[in-house]
Protein backbone atom coordinates (compact mmCIF):
# COMPACT_ATOMS: atom_id res chain seq x y z
CA MET A 1 38.73 -38.79 -24.40
CA PRO A 2 38.78 -41.63 -21.82
CA ASP A 3 35.48 -43.33 -21.05
CA THR A 4 33.90 -42.09 -17.84
CA VAL A 5 31.74 -44.02 -15.40
CA THR A 6 28.04 -43.16 -15.32
CA GLY A 7 24.74 -44.72 -14.35
CA ALA A 8 25.32 -46.22 -10.92
CA LEU A 9 25.68 -42.79 -9.41
CA ALA A 10 23.10 -40.91 -11.44
CA PRO A 11 19.49 -41.28 -12.64
CA ASN A 12 18.96 -43.77 -15.45
CA PRO A 13 19.13 -42.24 -18.96
CA PRO A 14 16.07 -41.99 -21.22
CA ILE A 15 15.15 -45.13 -23.15
CA GLN A 16 15.98 -45.05 -26.85
CA PRO A 17 16.45 -47.84 -29.38
CA VAL A 18 19.84 -49.44 -29.87
CA GLU A 19 21.25 -49.92 -33.35
CA SER A 20 23.77 -52.61 -34.21
CA GLY A 21 27.23 -51.11 -34.45
CA THR A 22 26.41 -48.10 -32.23
CA PRO A 23 29.68 -46.73 -30.80
CA ARG A 24 30.49 -47.17 -27.14
CA PRO A 25 29.44 -44.38 -24.76
CA GLN A 26 32.27 -41.95 -24.10
CA SER A 27 30.70 -39.70 -21.47
CA VAL A 28 27.52 -39.05 -19.52
CA ASP A 29 26.12 -37.04 -22.43
CA ASP A 30 25.73 -39.96 -24.83
CA ILE A 31 24.84 -42.96 -22.69
CA GLY A 32 21.13 -42.66 -23.53
CA GLN A 33 21.64 -44.52 -26.79
CA PHE A 34 22.42 -47.67 -24.80
CA ALA A 35 19.44 -47.47 -22.45
CA ALA A 36 17.48 -50.18 -24.26
CA TYR A 37 20.17 -52.57 -23.05
CA ASP A 38 18.37 -54.89 -20.66
CA GLY A 39 21.32 -55.85 -18.50
CA GLY A 40 21.95 -58.80 -20.79
CA VAL A 41 21.79 -58.07 -24.52
CA SER A 42 19.99 -55.27 -26.35
CA THR A 43 16.88 -56.09 -28.34
CA ALA A 44 18.67 -55.05 -31.51
CA ALA A 45 21.90 -56.91 -30.83
CA CYS A 46 20.09 -60.11 -29.93
CA GLY A 47 17.21 -59.87 -32.37
CA ALA A 48 17.33 -58.20 -35.76
CA ALA A 49 21.11 -57.93 -35.74
CA ASP A 50 21.51 -61.70 -36.12
CA SER A 51 19.53 -64.93 -36.37
CA ARG A 52 19.98 -66.02 -32.75
CA LYS A 53 16.91 -65.94 -30.52
CA HIS A 54 16.50 -65.71 -26.77
CA VAL A 55 16.33 -69.25 -25.42
CA VAL A 56 13.41 -69.99 -23.12
CA GLY A 57 12.36 -73.21 -21.47
CA ARG A 58 12.65 -75.33 -18.36
CA ASP A 59 15.61 -74.63 -16.08
CA ASP A 60 17.32 -77.96 -16.88
CA VAL A 61 17.01 -77.41 -20.62
CA LEU A 62 18.46 -73.92 -20.32
CA MET A 63 21.29 -75.13 -18.11
CA ASP A 64 22.18 -77.96 -20.49
CA ARG A 65 22.14 -75.58 -23.46
CA ALA A 66 24.37 -73.09 -21.63
CA ALA A 67 26.73 -75.88 -20.57
CA GLU A 68 27.02 -77.11 -24.16
CA LEU A 69 27.87 -73.64 -25.42
CA LEU A 70 30.39 -73.12 -22.64
CA ARG A 71 32.01 -76.49 -23.34
CA HIS A 72 32.72 -75.54 -26.95
CA ALA A 73 33.71 -71.91 -26.36
CA GLY A 74 37.32 -71.07 -27.09
CA LYS A 75 37.40 -67.76 -25.22
CA VAL A 76 35.06 -66.90 -22.36
CA VAL A 77 34.53 -63.56 -20.65
CA VAL A 78 32.85 -63.58 -17.24
CA PHE A 79 31.40 -60.12 -16.59
CA THR A 80 30.51 -59.54 -12.93
CA GLY A 81 28.80 -56.88 -10.86
CA ALA A 82 27.82 -56.24 -7.27
CA GLY A 83 25.34 -59.14 -7.14
CA ILE A 84 28.03 -61.81 -7.00
CA SER A 85 29.77 -60.10 -4.06
CA ALA A 86 26.49 -59.58 -2.23
CA GLU A 87 26.61 -63.33 -1.60
CA SER A 88 29.87 -62.69 0.28
CA GLY A 89 28.19 -60.12 2.53
CA ILE A 90 29.09 -56.94 0.62
CA PRO A 91 26.04 -54.70 0.17
CA THR A 92 25.23 -53.48 -3.32
CA PHE A 93 25.11 -49.79 -4.16
CA ARG A 94 21.75 -49.46 -5.90
CA ASP A 95 19.36 -51.85 -4.12
CA SER A 96 16.61 -50.47 -1.88
CA ASP A 97 18.85 -50.88 1.17
CA GLY A 98 22.10 -50.37 -0.72
CA LEU A 99 24.91 -47.95 0.07
CA TRP A 100 23.42 -45.06 -1.91
CA SER A 101 20.15 -45.26 0.03
CA HIS A 102 22.09 -44.25 3.15
CA PHE A 103 24.81 -42.10 1.57
CA PRO A 104 23.55 -39.96 -1.35
CA PRO A 105 25.91 -40.30 -4.32
CA ASP A 106 26.06 -36.56 -4.96
CA GLN A 107 27.70 -36.23 -1.54
CA PHE A 108 29.75 -39.42 -1.41
CA ALA A 109 30.43 -40.65 -4.96
CA THR A 110 32.48 -37.75 -6.32
CA MET A 111 35.71 -36.29 -4.98
CA GLY A 112 34.14 -32.83 -4.80
CA GLY A 113 31.13 -34.15 -2.92
CA LEU A 114 33.27 -36.08 -0.46
CA LEU A 115 35.50 -33.10 0.30
CA ALA A 116 32.52 -30.80 0.74
CA THR A 117 30.80 -33.30 3.03
CA ALA A 118 34.00 -33.80 5.03
CA ALA A 119 34.28 -30.04 5.59
CA GLY A 120 30.77 -29.77 6.99
CA SER A 121 30.00 -33.23 8.39
CA PRO A 122 33.19 -35.22 9.03
CA ARG A 123 31.32 -37.86 11.01
CA ARG A 124 29.17 -38.67 7.98
CA VAL A 125 32.28 -39.26 5.90
CA GLY A 126 33.64 -41.50 8.65
CA GLU A 127 30.39 -43.47 8.67
CA PHE A 128 30.57 -43.81 4.90
CA ILE A 129 34.15 -45.09 4.93
CA ILE A 130 33.26 -47.65 7.60
CA ALA A 131 30.18 -48.79 5.64
CA LEU A 132 32.31 -49.09 2.50
CA LEU A 133 35.38 -50.81 3.94
CA GLU A 134 34.14 -53.07 6.72
CA PRO A 135 32.11 -55.55 4.61
CA VAL A 136 34.93 -55.77 2.05
CA ALA A 137 37.54 -56.31 4.76
CA LYS A 138 35.49 -59.17 6.24
CA ALA A 139 34.51 -60.78 2.93
CA ALA A 140 35.73 -64.05 1.45
CA PRO A 141 35.13 -65.54 -2.01
CA ASN A 142 31.88 -67.46 -2.33
CA ALA A 143 30.97 -70.47 -4.46
CA GLY A 144 30.36 -68.24 -7.47
CA HIS A 145 33.86 -66.72 -7.35
CA LYS A 146 35.37 -70.17 -6.89
CA ALA A 147 33.44 -71.64 -9.83
CA ILE A 148 34.73 -68.86 -12.10
CA ALA A 149 38.29 -69.59 -10.96
CA ALA A 150 37.76 -73.31 -11.59
CA LEU A 151 36.49 -72.57 -15.10
CA GLN A 152 39.93 -71.36 -16.17
CA THR A 153 41.27 -74.92 -15.84
CA HIS A 154 39.02 -75.91 -18.75
CA THR A 155 39.09 -72.96 -21.16
CA HIS A 156 40.52 -69.49 -21.71
CA VAL A 157 38.76 -67.20 -19.22
CA THR A 158 38.95 -63.45 -18.75
CA VAL A 159 37.13 -61.94 -15.79
CA VAL A 160 35.86 -58.40 -16.26
CA THR A 161 34.53 -57.05 -12.98
CA GLN A 162 32.87 -53.84 -11.88
CA ASN A 163 33.62 -54.78 -8.28
CA VAL A 164 36.41 -53.22 -6.23
CA ASP A 165 36.70 -56.00 -3.63
CA ARG A 166 39.40 -58.20 -5.24
CA LEU A 167 37.47 -61.41 -4.42
CA HIS A 168 38.04 -62.88 -7.88
CA GLN A 169 41.81 -62.82 -7.43
CA GLU A 170 41.50 -64.25 -3.93
CA ALA A 171 39.40 -67.10 -5.35
CA GLY A 172 42.19 -67.91 -7.82
CA SER A 173 41.25 -66.15 -11.07
CA THR A 174 44.45 -65.05 -12.80
CA ARG A 175 43.21 -62.85 -15.67
CA VAL A 176 41.06 -60.13 -14.08
CA HIS A 177 40.29 -56.64 -15.39
CA GLU A 178 38.98 -54.31 -12.66
CA VAL A 179 37.28 -51.66 -14.78
CA HIS A 180 36.22 -49.58 -11.75
CA GLY A 181 39.55 -49.92 -9.96
CA SER A 182 40.15 -51.37 -6.50
CA LEU A 183 39.82 -50.39 -2.85
CA PHE A 184 43.12 -52.12 -2.16
CA ASP A 185 45.45 -50.21 -4.49
CA ILE A 186 46.36 -46.87 -2.91
CA VAL A 187 47.67 -44.53 -5.58
CA TYR A 188 48.60 -40.91 -6.16
CA ARG A 189 46.08 -38.99 -8.23
CA ARG A 190 48.75 -38.22 -10.82
CA GLY A 191 50.05 -41.80 -10.93
CA GLY A 192 52.25 -44.02 -8.84
CA THR A 193 51.43 -46.66 -6.24
CA VAL A 194 51.65 -45.80 -2.54
CA SER A 195 50.74 -49.23 -1.15
CA VAL A 196 48.53 -52.28 -1.59
CA LEU A 197 46.30 -52.88 1.41
CA THR A 198 45.41 -56.28 2.84
CA ARG A 199 42.05 -57.17 4.36
CA PRO A 200 43.52 -57.19 7.91
CA GLN A 201 44.96 -53.70 7.31
CA MET A 202 41.55 -52.56 6.08
CA LEU A 203 39.97 -53.91 9.28
CA ASP A 204 42.56 -52.00 11.31
CA ILE A 205 41.58 -48.78 9.51
CA VAL A 206 37.93 -49.43 10.33
CA ALA A 207 38.66 -50.15 14.01
CA THR A 208 40.84 -47.04 14.38
CA LEU A 209 38.28 -44.89 12.63
CA LYS A 210 35.49 -46.09 14.92
CA LYS A 211 37.55 -45.08 17.97
CA ALA A 212 38.37 -41.71 16.41
CA MET A 213 34.68 -40.88 15.96
CA ILE A 214 33.89 -41.24 19.66
CA GLY A 215 35.26 -37.82 20.64
CA SER A 216 33.56 -34.43 20.36
CA PHE A 217 35.98 -33.12 17.72
CA PRO A 218 36.80 -36.12 15.54
CA ARG A 219 38.22 -34.43 12.42
CA THR A 220 41.93 -34.60 13.36
CA ALA A 221 41.68 -38.11 14.78
CA MET A 222 39.75 -39.28 11.73
CA LEU A 223 42.35 -37.91 9.34
CA ALA A 224 45.01 -39.83 11.25
CA ALA A 225 42.89 -43.00 11.22
CA ILE A 226 42.43 -43.00 7.44
CA ARG A 227 46.03 -42.02 6.62
CA PRO A 228 46.87 -45.51 5.22
CA PHE A 229 43.85 -45.12 2.91
CA PHE A 230 43.63 -41.42 2.06
CA GLY A 231 45.88 -38.41 2.61
CA ILE A 232 48.67 -36.24 1.26
CA GLY A 233 52.13 -37.67 0.64
CA ARG A 234 55.34 -36.53 -0.99
CA CYS A 235 53.72 -36.67 -4.46
CA GLY A 236 50.41 -35.09 -3.53
CA LEU A 237 47.00 -36.53 -2.75
CA TYR A 238 46.68 -40.31 -2.56
CA ARG A 239 43.53 -42.46 -2.41
CA PRO A 240 42.18 -45.87 -3.48
CA SER A 241 42.20 -46.42 -7.23
CA ILE A 242 38.40 -46.74 -7.36
CA VAL A 243 36.63 -44.90 -10.18
CA LEU A 244 34.28 -42.24 -8.86
CA PHE A 245 31.39 -40.79 -10.85
CA GLY A 246 32.60 -38.74 -13.80
CA GLU A 247 36.15 -40.10 -13.68
CA ALA A 248 37.91 -42.04 -16.42
CA MET A 249 37.64 -45.81 -16.39
CA ALA A 250 40.59 -47.74 -14.98
CA GLU A 251 43.63 -48.09 -17.24
CA PRO A 252 44.70 -50.43 -18.74
CA ASP A 253 41.84 -52.58 -17.42
CA TRP A 254 39.09 -50.87 -19.41
CA PRO A 255 40.62 -51.12 -22.91
CA ASN A 256 41.68 -54.69 -22.09
CA ALA A 257 38.10 -55.50 -21.08
CA VAL A 258 36.72 -54.03 -24.30
CA ALA A 259 39.22 -56.05 -26.36
CA ALA A 260 38.34 -59.26 -24.52
CA SER A 261 34.62 -58.62 -25.08
CA HIS A 262 35.19 -58.16 -28.79
CA ASP A 263 37.19 -61.39 -29.00
CA CYS A 264 35.16 -63.85 -26.91
CA ASP A 265 32.90 -66.69 -28.09
CA CYS A 266 30.81 -66.62 -24.93
CA MET A 267 30.13 -64.04 -22.24
CA ILE A 268 28.63 -64.92 -18.87
CA ALA A 269 27.12 -61.87 -17.18
CA VAL A 270 26.40 -62.37 -13.50
CA GLY A 271 25.33 -60.07 -10.69
CA THR A 272 25.13 -56.93 -12.81
CA SER A 273 22.15 -54.60 -13.10
CA GLY A 274 23.14 -53.38 -16.57
CA SER A 275 22.82 -49.75 -15.47
CA VAL A 276 26.44 -48.70 -14.86
CA PHE A 277 27.86 -47.25 -18.06
CA PRO A 278 30.06 -47.62 -19.98
CA ALA A 279 30.72 -51.06 -18.41
CA ALA A 280 27.14 -52.13 -19.18
CA SER A 281 27.86 -51.83 -22.90
CA LEU A 282 30.26 -54.79 -22.85
CA PRO A 283 27.61 -57.52 -23.35
CA LEU A 284 26.33 -55.49 -26.30
CA GLU A 285 29.82 -55.46 -27.77
CA ALA A 286 30.24 -59.19 -27.24
CA SER A 287 26.87 -59.94 -28.86
CA ALA A 288 27.53 -57.61 -31.80
CA ASN A 289 30.76 -59.53 -32.47
CA GLY A 290 29.02 -62.92 -32.51
CA ALA A 291 29.35 -64.11 -28.92
CA THR A 292 26.56 -65.87 -27.05
CA VAL A 293 25.62 -64.00 -23.86
CA ILE A 294 24.50 -66.06 -20.86
CA VAL A 295 22.94 -64.01 -18.07
CA ILE A 296 22.72 -65.37 -14.52
CA ASP A 297 20.25 -63.43 -12.40
CA PRO A 298 17.57 -64.19 -9.79
CA GLY A 299 15.14 -61.99 -11.73
CA PRO A 300 13.50 -62.37 -15.15
CA ALA A 301 15.51 -64.16 -17.85
CA ARG A 302 17.74 -61.94 -20.00
CA GLY A 303 20.43 -62.41 -22.61
CA ASP A 304 20.65 -65.12 -25.27
CA ILE A 305 20.24 -67.66 -22.47
CA GLY A 306 18.86 -66.58 -19.11
CA LEU A 307 19.61 -68.75 -16.07
CA ARG A 308 17.58 -67.78 -13.03
CA GLY A 309 19.27 -68.03 -9.66
CA THR A 310 22.17 -66.72 -7.63
CA ALA A 311 25.79 -66.86 -8.73
CA GLY A 312 26.74 -69.20 -5.89
CA THR A 313 24.10 -71.71 -6.97
CA VAL A 314 24.08 -71.46 -10.76
CA LEU A 315 27.78 -71.04 -11.60
CA PRO A 316 29.04 -74.22 -9.86
CA GLU A 317 26.29 -76.24 -11.53
CA LEU A 318 27.00 -74.70 -14.93
CA VAL A 319 30.73 -75.48 -14.75
CA HIS A 320 30.00 -79.00 -13.47
CA ARG A 321 27.61 -79.78 -16.33
CA ALA A 322 29.91 -78.29 -18.93
CA PHE A 323 33.05 -80.18 -17.97
CA SER A 324 32.19 -83.24 -15.89
């Protein structure tokens, strides 16, 4: 059975201990076993499972230690979440003022919920699409994205991202696995690509949709406005390739991401809350296979090495110290 996405769109699972070698979550029913994962590395994977210990100390000491490890790593995975794109102006989903605080996930994060909401409140769906697309359409890669792209000139880098905004590719990263799909790839539900949107085309959809919502009966005009993004074509329903709650993870990106996590020497996790499963299990997998996990986060230190700060500040400095 393909892995399905959970966690970002549902309440957090109950906390239970994590054992080394625990299998990856396959569905919403068994993600609880990974709940002790802290967003960096589980207490078991980073403690009793091996002799490595969480590195604590002054910021410069931590940065120098992380740079040394990165310098000698043969294969690096950079695992990114919404936090890195927030620095490019794209709101997160789960923060206090994030997308789900305005658009409840049970209504907007499943296909069934979206269709039911559209039938009863088409304007709300229009507002949701605008809130989702407009920041992405206006976004540009920030210093964090660019530092990750620059890193690939020094070592073998695989980017595994939960983001659907394609900013890593725009920054220049060439090996990117989008495990939650993309807003830009418009595909039929049963397979086959309809089109690949550009950011200007996405802005055009937003502008047309805003005009369509002015009238008293917007449903028909709204359907016409979103036709490049969502509709029915000669092969059935088409939509962006994003992974909604309960759907299978993106193929072949997800199995490729798992393989890269198994095979890396070093994983850098940045901008991820560690609550969206099964993607959040990847640092666990990397750690269990001997990789050092570096976590970049403005909050409390996590991972084997925790570097406090934003992606746009910490990543450029880390790459500079490692390879200058």
